[in-house]
């Protein structure tokens, strides 16, 4: 069956696969999304491609738009939730092939697929301070900058110098920090179709032992307070004005509340965990139940931090 583009679904998938292989990229048909998200749930996507460069990613996006196939760009899947039915389209994963990190004059430049943990280790190795807050955030540079990720009093906006992205016309464009519109868990990219391909971080010379000590302290605080032993997508809800999501969830009597294999963590109420073979439907229902109950009991409208991909 064709649509107004004149392409059948099979044609669309073939077009993406052909271009991917032509560019030397790995392409997987019918790939389970559960293998690529930290929640460990989600059905299959039509095709998954691992772009090798910003130029390749741009070509793939333009091709997807040309043939009319839905697409989604992601990193290591640490803040996304795919449905059990999967994703009828192309998923472009920014992984190892787009994870280069360079250091020059106190500035670390990292490709979007580089993990924050690698950036933090690189900063430590070069005696550069300022990134310690990000040690342990389970995401990639692209996702972290996209949502202005933060922890322990620090945010991406505190260290980002500039970001290079693919604009809506498929061209590479670099923005200085002053044009990134950073807010609480948001940036210019959450409201645009631009795709982050790299970011530069301006850091300061610091003592190796002090940096290491701070990183060790923060990872220990994470281990004590967060359910790191279970699959999750990190913090589930954004912080409500004047309080904490975990606190209002706990005060609503929801700590330990379960739907199927999904549970509100008994260790930290703002973590929904895949405790025992949860489905995406379990997690979605649990999140909905928590939002409704918290609204009824406290009046707070919780906003989910995790992106549900349809």
C-alpha atoms as a PDB file:
ATOM      1  CA  UNK A   1       0.000   0.000   0.000  1.00  0.00           C
ATOM      2  CA  UNK A   2       1.368   3.416  -1.029  1.00  0.00           C
ATOM      3  CA  UNK A   3       0.722   6.800   0.595  1.00  0.00           C
ATOM      4  CA  UNK A   4       0.877  10.317  -0.872  1.00  0.00           C
ATOM      5  CA  UNK A   5       4.669  10.001  -1.230  1.00  0.00           C
ATOM      6  CA  UNK A   6       4.166   7.164  -3.704  1.00  0.00           C
ATOM      7  CA  UNK A   7       6.284   4.794  -1.603  1.00  0.00           C
ATOM      8  CA  UNK A   8       5.086   1.602   0.060  1.00  0.00           C
ATOM      9  CA  UNK A   9       6.164   0.920   3.647  1.00  0.00           C
ATOM     10  CA  UNK A  10       8.547  -1.697   2.291  1.00  0.00           C
ATOM     11  CA  UNK A  11       9.992   0.818  -0.200  1.00  0.00           C
ATOM     12  CA  UNK A  12      10.620   3.318   2.603  1.00  0.00           C
ATOM     13  CA  UNK A  13      12.482   0.820   4.765  1.00  0.00           C
ATOM     14  CA  UNK A  14      14.502  -0.382   1.758  1.00  0.00           C
ATOM     15  CA  UNK A  15      15.456   3.204   0.867  1.00  0.00           C
ATOM     16  CA  UNK A  16      16.820   3.835   4.371  1.00  0.00           C
ATOM     17  CA  UNK A  17      18.626   0.493   4.455  1.00  0.00           C
ATOM     18  CA  UNK A  18      20.219   1.037   1.038  1.00  0.00           C
ATOM     19  CA  UNK A  19      21.508   4.480   1.995  1.00  0.00           C
ATOM     20  CA  UNK A  20      22.795   3.197   5.340  1.00  0.00           C
ATOM     21  CA  UNK A  21      24.748   0.373   3.709  1.00  0.00           C
ATOM     22  CA  UNK A  22      26.024   2.705   0.998  1.00  0.00           C
ATOM     23  CA  UNK A  23      27.419   4.949   3.782  1.00  0.00           C
ATOM     24  CA  UNK A  24      28.989   1.983   5.589  1.00  0.00           C
ATOM     25  CA  UNK A  25      26.573   2.120   8.523  1.00  0.00           C
ATOM     26  CA  UNK A  26      25.239  -0.859  10.423  1.00  0.00           C
ATOM     27  CA  UNK A  27      21.517  -1.332   9.694  1.00  0.00           C
ATOM     28  CA  UNK A  28      19.241  -3.777  11.528  1.00  0.00           C
ATOM     29  CA  UNK A  29      15.733  -4.693  10.368  1.00  0.00           C
ATOM     30  CA  UNK A  30      13.082  -5.552  12.963  1.00  0.00           C
ATOM     31  CA  UNK A  31      15.440  -4.769  15.846  1.00  0.00           C
ATOM     32  CA  UNK A  32      13.983  -5.092  19.396  1.00  0.00           C
ATOM     33  CA  UNK A  33      14.066  -1.680  21.067  1.00  0.00           C
ATOM     34  CA  UNK A  34      14.241  -3.361  24.464  1.00  0.00           C
ATOM     35  CA  UNK A  35      17.895  -4.130  23.692  1.00  0.00           C
ATOM     36  CA  UNK A  36      18.679  -0.429  23.234  1.00  0.00           C
ATOM     37  CA  UNK A  37      16.889   1.272  26.139  1.00  0.00           C
ATOM     38  CA  UNK A  38      17.764   1.349  29.827  1.00  0.00           C
ATOM     39  CA  UNK A  39      14.181   0.382  30.743  1.00  0.00           C
ATOM     40  CA  UNK A  40      14.700  -2.874  28.772  1.00  0.00           C
ATOM     41  CA  UNK A  41      11.214  -2.677  27.244  1.00  0.00           C
ATOM     42  CA  UNK A  42       9.762  -1.882  23.817  1.00  0.00           C
ATOM     43  CA  UNK A  43       8.832  -3.817  20.694  1.00  0.00           C
ATOM     44  CA  UNK A  44      10.642  -3.833  17.352  1.00  0.00           C
ATOM     45  CA  UNK A  45      11.377  -0.927  15.032  1.00  0.00           C
ATOM     46  CA  UNK A  46      11.148  -1.270  11.255  1.00  0.00           C
ATOM     47  CA  UNK A  47      14.827  -0.435  10.876  1.00  0.00           C
ATOM     48  CA  UNK A  48      17.624   0.742  13.156  1.00  0.00           C
ATOM     49  CA  UNK A  49      20.694   2.516  11.777  1.00  0.00           C
ATOM     50  CA  UNK A  50      23.929   3.527  13.513  1.00  0.00           C
ATOM     51  CA  UNK A  51      25.187   6.640  11.655  1.00  0.00           C
ATOM     52  CA  UNK A  52      28.960   7.062  11.363  1.00  0.00           C
ATOM     53  CA  UNK A  53      29.095  10.865  11.136  1.00  0.00           C
ATOM     54  CA  UNK A  54      26.954  14.019  11.317  1.00  0.00           C
ATOM     55  CA  UNK A  55      26.935  14.111   7.511  1.00  0.00           C
ATOM     56  CA  UNK A  56      25.644  10.527   7.343  1.00  0.00           C
ATOM     57  CA  UNK A  57      22.951  11.296   9.907  1.00  0.00           C
ATOM     58  CA  UNK A  58      21.906  14.360   7.928  1.00  0.00           C
ATOM     59  CA  UNK A  59      21.646  12.274   4.732  1.00  0.00           C
ATOM     60  CA  UNK A  60      19.555   9.642   6.516  1.00  0.00           C
ATOM     61  CA  UNK A  61      17.182  12.263   7.938  1.00  0.00           C
ATOM     62  CA  UNK A  62      16.754  13.921   4.536  1.00  0.00           C
ATOM     63  CA  UNK A  63      16.087  10.518   2.952  1.00  0.00           C
ATOM     64  CA  UNK A  64      13.536   9.664   5.663  1.00  0.00           C
ATOM     65  CA  UNK A  65      11.718  12.938   5.041  1.00  0.00           C
ATOM     66  CA  UNK A  66      11.887  12.450   1.279  1.00  0.00           C
ATOM     67  CA  UNK A  67      10.288   8.992   1.341  1.00  0.00           C
ATOM     68  CA  UNK A  68       7.913   9.831   4.211  1.00  0.00           C
ATOM     69  CA  UNK A  69       9.090   7.392   6.886  1.00  0.00           C
ATOM     70  CA  UNK A  70       8.869   8.355  10.550  1.00  0.00           C
ATOM     71  CA  UNK A  71      12.226   8.583  12.308  1.00  0.00           C
ATOM     72  CA  UNK A  72      13.569   9.011  15.816  1.00  0.00           C
ATOM     73  CA  UNK A  73      17.127   9.923  16.835  1.00  0.00           C
ATOM     74  CA  UNK A  74      18.450   8.659  20.161  1.00  0.00           C
ATOM     75  CA  UNK A  75      21.600   7.912  22.139  1.00  0.00           C
ATOM     76  CA  UNK A  76      21.803   5.075  24.643  1.00  0.00           C
ATOM     77  CA  UNK A  77      18.060   5.070  25.331  1.00  0.00           C
ATOM     78  CA  UNK A  78      18.347   6.220  28.927  1.00  0.00           C
ATOM     79  CA  UNK A  79      15.448   8.656  28.940  1.00  0.00           C
ATOM     80  CA  UNK A  80      13.042   7.146  26.423  1.00  0.00           C
ATOM     81  CA  UNK A  81      10.181   4.679  26.518  1.00  0.00           C
ATOM     82  CA  UNK A  82       8.992   2.775  23.444  1.00  0.00           C
ATOM     83  CA  UNK A  83       5.655   0.972  23.419  1.00  0.00           C
ATOM     84  CA  UNK A  84       5.339  -2.818  23.327  1.00  0.00           C
ATOM     85  CA  UNK A  85       4.028  -2.500  19.755  1.00  0.00           C
ATOM     86  CA  UNK A  86       7.388  -1.049  18.758  1.00  0.00           C
ATOM     87  CA  UNK A  87       8.065   1.838  16.400  1.00  0.00           C
ATOM     88  CA  UNK A  88       6.771   1.949  12.828  1.00  0.00           C
ATOM     89  CA  UNK A  89       9.698   3.806  11.357  1.00  0.00           C
ATOM     90  CA  UNK A  90      13.460   4.280  11.431  1.00  0.00           C
ATOM     91  CA  UNK A  91      15.481   4.688  14.625  1.00  0.00           C
ATOM     92  CA  UNK A  92      18.870   6.366  14.235  1.00  0.00           C
ATOM     93  CA  UNK A  93      21.151   5.494  17.153  1.00  0.00           C
ATOM     94  CA  UNK A  94      24.087   7.766  17.929  1.00  0.00           C
ATOM     95  CA  UNK A  95      26.483   5.293  19.478  1.00  0.00           C
ATOM     96  CA  UNK A  96      30.157   4.339  19.354  1.00  0.00           C
ATOM     97  CA  UNK A  97      30.597   5.550  15.782  1.00  0.00           C
ATOM     98  CA  UNK A  98      29.671   9.070  16.921  1.00  0.00           C
ATOM     99  CA  UNK A  99      31.421   9.193  20.285  1.00  0.00           C
ATOM    100  CA  UNK A 100      34.720  10.992  19.626  1.00  0.00           C
ATOM    101  CA  UNK A 101      36.099  13.165  22.444  1.00  0.00           C
ATOM    102  CA  UNK A 102      38.863  15.769  22.034  1.00  0.00           C
ATOM    103  CA  UNK A 103      40.476  18.153  24.535  1.00  0.00           C
ATOM    104  CA  UNK A 104      42.094  21.502  23.781  1.00  0.00           C
ATOM    105  CA  UNK A 105      42.900  24.427  26.104  1.00  0.00           C
ATOM    106  CA  UNK A 106      40.453  23.436  28.818  1.00  0.00           C
ATOM    107  CA  UNK A 107      37.627  22.715  26.363  1.00  0.00           C
ATOM    108  CA  UNK A 108      36.286  19.189  25.882  1.00  0.00           C
ATOM    109  CA  UNK A 109      34.429  18.595  22.617  1.00  0.00           C
ATOM    110  CA  UNK A 110      32.358  15.434  22.490  1.00  0.00           C
ATOM    111  CA  UNK A 111      30.212  13.870  19.785  1.00  0.00           C
ATOM    112  CA  UNK A 112      26.555  13.329  20.671  1.00  0.00           C
ATOM    113  CA  UNK A 113      26.966   9.570  21.116  1.00  0.00           C
ATOM    114  CA  UNK A 114      29.709   9.876  23.747  1.00  0.00           C
ATOM    115  CA  UNK A 115      28.524   8.902  27.217  1.00  0.00           C
ATOM    116  CA  UNK A 116      28.629  11.483  29.985  1.00  0.00           C
ATOM    117  CA  UNK A 117      30.681   9.053  32.045  1.00  0.00           C
ATOM    118  CA  UNK A 118      33.431   9.091  29.372  1.00  0.00           C
ATOM    119  CA  UNK A 119      33.374  12.888  29.273  1.00  0.00           C
ATOM    120  CA  UNK A 120      33.704  12.999  33.068  1.00  0.00           C
ATOM    121  CA  UNK A 121      36.606  10.519  32.992  1.00  0.00           C
ATOM    122  CA  UNK A 122      38.297  12.566  30.260  1.00  0.00           C
ATOM    123  CA  UNK A 123      37.916  15.732  32.343  1.00  0.00           C
ATOM    124  CA  UNK A 124      39.459  13.962  35.336  1.00  0.00           C
ATOM    125  CA  UNK A 125      42.397  12.652  33.276  1.00  0.00           C
ATOM    126  CA  UNK A 126      43.120  16.203  32.074  1.00  0.00           C
ATOM    127  CA  UNK A 127      42.699  17.752  35.549  1.00  0.00           C
ATOM    128  CA  UNK A 128      39.631  19.739  34.427  1.00  0.00           C
ATOM    129  CA  UNK A 129      36.903  20.535  36.950  1.00  0.00           C
ATOM    130  CA  UNK A 130      33.228  21.415  36.523  1.00  0.00           C
ATOM    131  CA  UNK A 131      31.751  18.168  35.147  1.00  0.00           C
ATOM    132  CA  UNK A 132      31.709  16.257  38.447  1.00  0.00           C
ATOM    133  CA  UNK A 133      27.928  16.669  38.892  1.00  0.00           C
ATOM    134  CA  UNK A 134      27.364  14.642  35.705  1.00  0.00           C
ATOM    135  CA  UNK A 135      29.313  11.592  36.941  1.00  0.00           C
ATOM    136  CA  UNK A 136      26.755   8.805  37.061  1.00  0.00           C
ATOM    137  CA  UNK A 137      24.082  10.435  34.894  1.00  0.00           C
ATOM    138  CA  UNK A 138      23.233   7.501  32.587  1.00  0.00           C
ATOM    139  CA  UNK A 139      23.078   9.285  29.264  1.00  0.00           C
ATOM    140  CA  UNK A 140      24.940  10.514  26.220  1.00  0.00           C
ATOM    141  CA  UNK A 141      26.094  14.036  25.441  1.00  0.00           C
ATOM    142  CA  UNK A 142      23.309  14.622  22.921  1.00  0.00           C
ATOM    143  CA  UNK A 143      20.511  13.602  25.260  1.00  0.00           C
ATOM    144  CA  UNK A 144      22.031  15.398  28.241  1.00  0.00           C
ATOM    145  CA  UNK A 145      22.368  18.712  26.407  1.00  0.00           C
ATOM    146  CA  UNK A 146      18.935  18.299  24.784  1.00  0.00           C
ATOM    147  CA  UNK A 147      17.219  18.162  28.195  1.00  0.00           C
ATOM    148  CA  UNK A 148      19.764  20.219  30.170  1.00  0.00           C
ATOM    149  CA  UNK A 149      20.410  17.229  32.406  1.00  0.00           C
ATOM    150  CA  UNK A 150      21.570  17.936  35.903  1.00  0.00           C
ATOM    151  CA  UNK A 151      22.216  16.560  39.368  1.00  0.00           C
ATOM    152  CA  UNK A 152      23.619  17.628  42.734  1.00  0.00           C
ATOM    153  CA  UNK A 153      23.273  21.337  41.995  1.00  0.00           C
ATOM    154  CA  UNK A 154      24.864  21.308  38.531  1.00  0.00           C
ATOM    155  CA  UNK A 155      23.347  21.370  35.033  1.00  0.00           C
ATOM    156  CA  UNK A 156      24.617  21.160  31.467  1.00  0.00           C
ATOM    157  CA  UNK A 157      24.033  24.896  31.056  1.00  0.00           C
ATOM    158  CA  UNK A 158      26.788  25.526  33.620  1.00  0.00           C
ATOM    159  CA  UNK A 159      29.479  23.947  31.447  1.00  0.00           C
ATOM    160  CA  UNK A 160      28.300  23.992  27.815  1.00  0.00           C
ATOM    161  CA  UNK A 161      30.263  26.414  25.638  1.00  0.00           C
ATOM    162  CA  UNK A 162      28.660  25.626  22.269  1.00  0.00           C
ATOM    163  CA  UNK A 163      26.590  22.997  20.477  1.00  0.00           C
ATOM    164  CA  UNK A 164      26.707  21.850  16.859  1.00  0.00           C
ATOM    165  CA  UNK A 165      23.499  20.491  15.368  1.00  0.00           C
ATOM    166  CA  UNK A 166      21.823  19.537  12.128  1.00  0.00           C
ATOM    167  CA  UNK A 167      19.244  22.218  11.315  1.00  0.00           C
ATOM    168  CA  UNK A 168      15.877  21.675   9.649  1.00  0.00           C
ATOM    169  CA  UNK A 169      17.496  22.013   6.203  1.00  0.00           C
ATOM    170  CA  UNK A 170      20.084  19.321   6.922  1.00  0.00           C
ATOM    171  CA  UNK A 171      22.992  21.729   7.399  1.00  0.00           C
ATOM    172  CA  UNK A 172      25.454  21.777  10.300  1.00  0.00           C
ATOM    173  CA  UNK A 173      25.039  24.804  12.548  1.00  0.00           C
ATOM    174  CA  UNK A 174      26.882  25.801  15.739  1.00  0.00           C
ATOM    175  CA  UNK A 175      25.243  27.815  18.515  1.00  0.00           C
ATOM    176  CA  UNK A 176      27.064  29.518  21.404  1.00  0.00           C
ATOM    177  CA  UNK A 177      25.729  28.806  24.904  1.00  0.00           C
ATOM    178  CA  UNK A 178      23.934  32.179  24.947  1.00  0.00           C
ATOM    179  CA  UNK A 179      21.602  30.997  22.155  1.00  0.00           C
ATOM    180  CA  UNK A 180      20.695  27.603  23.633  1.00  0.00           C
ATOM    181  CA  UNK A 181      17.689  28.757  25.718  1.00  0.00           C
ATOM    182  CA  UNK A 182      18.478  26.432  28.601  1.00  0.00           C
ATOM    183  CA  UNK A 183      15.738  25.987  31.207  1.00  0.00           C
ATOM    184  CA  UNK A 184      14.839  23.338  33.762  1.00  0.00           C
ATOM    185  CA  UNK A 185      15.166  20.066  31.787  1.00  0.00           C
ATOM    186  CA  UNK A 186      14.796  21.952  28.510  1.00  0.00           C
ATOM    187  CA  UNK A 187      16.773  23.745  25.794  1.00  0.00           C
ATOM    188  CA  UNK A 188      16.181  25.233  22.360  1.00  0.00           C
ATOM    189  CA  UNK A 189      16.369  21.662  21.024  1.00  0.00           C
ATOM    190  CA  UNK A 190      13.336  20.413  22.976  1.00  0.00           C
ATOM    191  CA  UNK A 191      11.246  22.882  20.988  1.00  0.00           C
ATOM    192  CA  UNK A 192      12.924  22.526  17.570  1.00  0.00           C
ATOM    193  CA  UNK A 193      13.630  19.835  14.996  1.00  0.00           C
ATOM    194  CA  UNK A 194      17.377  20.453  15.211  1.00  0.00           C
ATOM    195  CA  UNK A 195      19.478  17.377  16.052  1.00  0.00           C
ATOM    196  CA  UNK A 196      22.511  17.734  18.334  1.00  0.00           C
ATOM    197  CA  UNK A 197      25.673  16.148  16.905  1.00  0.00           C
ATOM    198  CA  UNK A 198      28.333  17.482  19.299  1.00  0.00           C
ATOM    199  CA  UNK A 199      28.902  19.811  22.230  1.00  0.00           C
ATOM    200  CA  UNK A 200      31.853  21.676  23.701  1.00  0.00           C
ATOM    201  CA  UNK A 201      32.311  22.074  27.447  1.00  0.00           C
ATOM    202  CA  UNK A 202      34.390  24.895  28.971  1.00  0.00           C
ATOM    203  CA  UNK A 203      36.052  23.577  32.135  1.00  0.00           C
ATOM    204  CA  UNK A 204      38.612  24.903  34.604  1.00  0.00           C
ATOM    205  CA  UNK A 205      41.985  23.582  35.698  1.00  0.00           C
ATOM    206  CA  UNK A 206      41.574  21.771  39.003  1.00  0.00           C
ATOM    207  CA  UNK A 207      43.373  19.388  41.308  1.00  0.00           C
ATOM    208  CA  UNK A 208      43.065  15.739  40.215  1.00  0.00           C
ATOM    209  CA  UNK A 209      42.486  14.445  43.745  1.00  0.00           C
ATOM    210  CA  UNK A 210      39.785  17.037  44.454  1.00  0.00           C
ATOM    211  CA  UNK A 211      37.936  16.169  41.242  1.00  0.00           C
ATOM    212  CA  UNK A 212      38.229  12.435  41.965  1.00  0.00           C
ATOM    213  CA  UNK A 213      37.072  12.896  45.561  1.00  0.00           C
ATOM    214  CA  UNK A 214      33.975  14.824  44.442  1.00  0.00           C
ATOM    215  CA  UNK A 215      33.153  12.199  41.782  1.00  0.00           C
ATOM    216  CA  UNK A 216      33.524   9.390  44.328  1.00  0.00           C
ATOM    217  CA  UNK A 217      31.304  11.242  46.793  1.00  0.00           C
ATOM    218  CA  UNK A 218      28.527  11.796  44.252  1.00  0.00           C
ATOM    219  CA  UNK A 219      28.528   8.235  42.903  1.00  0.00           C
ATOM    220  CA  UNK A 220      28.297   6.945  46.467  1.00  0.00           C
ATOM    221  CA  UNK A 221      25.301   9.214  47.108  1.00  0.00           C
ATOM    222  CA  UNK A 222      23.687   7.780  43.971  1.00  0.00           C
ATOM    223  CA  UNK A 223      24.332   4.200  45.114  1.00  0.00           C
ATOM    224  CA  UNK A 224      22.807   4.866  48.525  1.00  0.00           C
ATOM    225  CA  UNK A 225      19.704   6.702  47.295  1.00  0.00           C
ATOM    226  CA  UNK A 226      18.931   5.330  43.831  1.00  0.00           C
ATOM    227  CA  UNK A 227      17.830   1.841  42.667  1.00  0.00           C
ATOM    228  CA  UNK A 228      20.763   1.382  40.294  1.00  0.00           C
ATOM    229  CA  UNK A 229      20.404  -2.405  40.432  1.00  0.00           C
ATOM    230  CA  UNK A 230      17.180  -2.332  38.349  1.00  0.00           C
ATOM    231  CA  UNK A 231      16.475  -1.157  34.785  1.00  0.00           C
ATOM    232  CA  UNK A 232      14.970   2.339  34.789  1.00  0.00           C
ATOM    233  CA  UNK A 233      15.096   5.617  32.895  1.00  0.00           C
ATOM    234  CA  UNK A 234      16.489   7.583  35.819  1.00  0.00           C
ATOM    235  CA  UNK A 235      14.284  10.209  37.462  1.00  0.00           C
ATOM    236  CA  UNK A 236      10.728   9.772  36.206  1.00  0.00           C
ATOM    237  CA  UNK A 237       9.155  13.153  36.957  1.00  0.00           C
ATOM    238  CA  UNK A 238      10.392  16.728  36.794  1.00  0.00           C
ATOM    239  CA  UNK A 239      10.707  18.578  40.082  1.00  0.00           C
ATOM    240  CA  UNK A 240       7.443  20.389  40.945  1.00  0.00           C
ATOM    241  CA  UNK A 241       7.687  24.017  42.055  1.00  0.00           C
ATOM    242  CA  UNK A 242       8.668  24.293  45.705  1.00  0.00           C
ATOM    243  CA  UNK A 243       9.074  20.579  46.447  1.00  0.00           C
ATOM    244  CA  UNK A 244      10.462  17.286  45.147  1.00  0.00           C
ATOM    245  CA  UNK A 245       8.698  14.693  42.990  1.00  0.00           C
ATOM    246  CA  UNK A 246       9.942  11.814  45.154  1.00  0.00           C
ATOM    247  CA  UNK A 247       8.560  13.489  48.270  1.00  0.00           C
ATOM    248  CA  UNK A 248       5.023  14.087  46.944  1.00  0.00           C
ATOM    249  CA  UNK A 249       4.920  10.545  45.513  1.00  0.00           C
ATOM    250  CA  UNK A 250       6.015   9.106  48.859  1.00  0.00           C
ATOM    251  CA  UNK A 251       3.546  11.323  50.743  1.00  0.00           C
ATOM    252  CA  UNK A 252       0.809   9.972  48.463  1.00  0.00           C
ATOM    253  CA  UNK A 253       1.539   6.455  49.740  1.00  0.00           C
ATOM    254  CA  UNK A 254       2.917   5.225  46.423  1.00  0.00           C
ATOM    255  CA  UNK A 255       6.390   3.992  47.388  1.00  0.00           C
ATOM    256  CA  UNK A 256       6.495   0.337  46.314  1.00  0.00           C
ATOM    257  CA  UNK A 257       3.284   0.636  44.245  1.00  0.00           C
ATOM    258  CA  UNK A 258       3.356  -1.849  41.352  1.00  0.00           C
ATOM    259  CA  UNK A 259       1.656  -2.493  38.033  1.00  0.00           C
ATOM    260  CA  UNK A 260       2.706  -5.840  36.573  1.00  0.00           C
ATOM    261  CA  UNK A 261       6.502  -5.945  36.630  1.00  0.00           C
ATOM    262  CA  UNK A 262       6.881  -2.167  37.033  1.00  0.00           C
ATOM    263  CA  UNK A 263       7.270  -0.570  40.445  1.00  0.00           C
ATOM    264  CA  UNK A 264       7.711   2.790  42.149  1.00  0.00           C
ATOM    265  CA  UNK A 265      11.087   2.156  43.753  1.00  0.00           C
ATOM    266  CA  UNK A 266      11.064   1.587  47.496  1.00  0.00           C
ATOM    267  CA  UNK A 267      14.523   3.181  47.588  1.00  0.00           C
ATOM    268  CA  UNK A 268      13.625   6.422  45.771  1.00  0.00           C
ATOM    269  CA  UNK A 269      10.003   7.232  44.905  1.00  0.00           C
ATOM    270  CA  UNK A 270      10.895   9.271  41.800  1.00  0.00           C
ATOM    271  CA  UNK A 271      12.310   6.168  40.122  1.00  0.00           C
ATOM    272  CA  UNK A 272      10.000   3.821  38.232  1.00  0.00           C
ATOM    273  CA  UNK A 273      11.867   0.545  37.862  1.00  0.00           C
ATOM    274  CA  UNK A 274      11.502  -2.569  35.740  1.00  0.00           C
ATOM    275  CA  UNK A 275      11.559  -4.881  38.739  1.00  0.00           C
ATOM    276  CA  UNK A 276      10.384  -8.118  37.209  1.00  0.00           C
ATOM    277  CA  UNK A 277       9.900  -8.422  33.452  1.00  0.00           C
ATOM    278  CA  UNK A 278       7.758  -5.309  33.063  1.00  0.00           C
ATOM    279  CA  UNK A 279       6.164  -4.394  29.765  1.00  0.00           C
ATOM    280  CA  UNK A 280       6.039  -0.860  28.412  1.00  0.00           C
ATOM    281  CA  UNK A 281       2.286  -0.954  29.077  1.00  0.00           C
ATOM    282  CA  UNK A 282       2.971  -1.708  32.763  1.00  0.00           C
ATOM    283  CA  UNK A 283       5.282   1.306  33.007  1.00  0.00           C
ATOM    284  CA  UNK A 284       2.896   3.629  31.148  1.00  0.00           C
ATOM    285  CA  UNK A 285      -0.022   2.576  33.390  1.00  0.00           C
ATOM    286  CA  UNK A 286       2.103   2.991  36.524  1.00  0.00           C
ATOM    287  CA  UNK A 287       3.181   6.508  35.515  1.00  0.00           C
ATOM    288  CA  UNK A 288      -0.444   7.422  34.778  1.00  0.00           C
ATOM    289  CA  UNK A 289      -1.601   6.046  38.153  1.00  0.00           C
ATOM    290  CA  UNK A 290       1.101   7.992  39.998  1.00  0.00           C
ATOM    291  CA  UNK A 291       0.197  11.260  38.248  1.00  0.00           C
ATOM    292  CA  UNK A 292      -3.508  10.814  39.008  1.00  0.00           C
ATOM    293  CA  UNK A 293      -3.032   9.824  42.661  1.00  0.00           C
ATOM    294  CA  UNK A 294      -0.533  12.607  43.389  1.00  0.00           C
ATOM    295  CA  UNK A 295      -2.920  15.165  41.835  1.00  0.00           C
ATOM    296  CA  UNK A 296      -5.824  13.849  43.942  1.00  0.00           C
ATOM    297  CA  UNK A 297      -3.864  13.723  47.198  1.00  0.00           C
ATOM    298  CA  UNK A 298      -1.547  16.727  46.961  1.00  0.00           C
ATOM    299  CA  UNK A 299      -2.812  18.936  44.125  1.00  0.00           C
ATOM    300  CA  UNK A 300       0.515  18.731  42.300  1.00  0.00           C
ATOM    301  CA  UNK A 301       0.552  18.090  38.546  1.00  0.00           C
ATOM    302  CA  UNK A 302       3.604  15.914  37.936  1.00  0.00           C
ATOM    303  CA  UNK A 303       5.264  16.227  34.537  1.00  0.00           C
ATOM    304  CA  UNK A 304       7.015  13.158  33.181  1.00  0.00           C
ATOM    305  CA  UNK A 305      10.708  13.578  32.371  1.00  0.00           C
ATOM    306  CA  UNK A 306      10.828  10.426  30.211  1.00  0.00           C
ATOM    307  CA  UNK A 307      10.009  10.726  26.509  1.00  0.00           C
ATOM    308  CA  UNK A 308       7.306   8.305  25.353  1.00  0.00           C
ATOM    309  CA  UNK A 309       7.968   7.593  21.678  1.00  0.00           C
ATOM    310  CA  UNK A 310       4.938   6.910  19.468  1.00  0.00           C
END
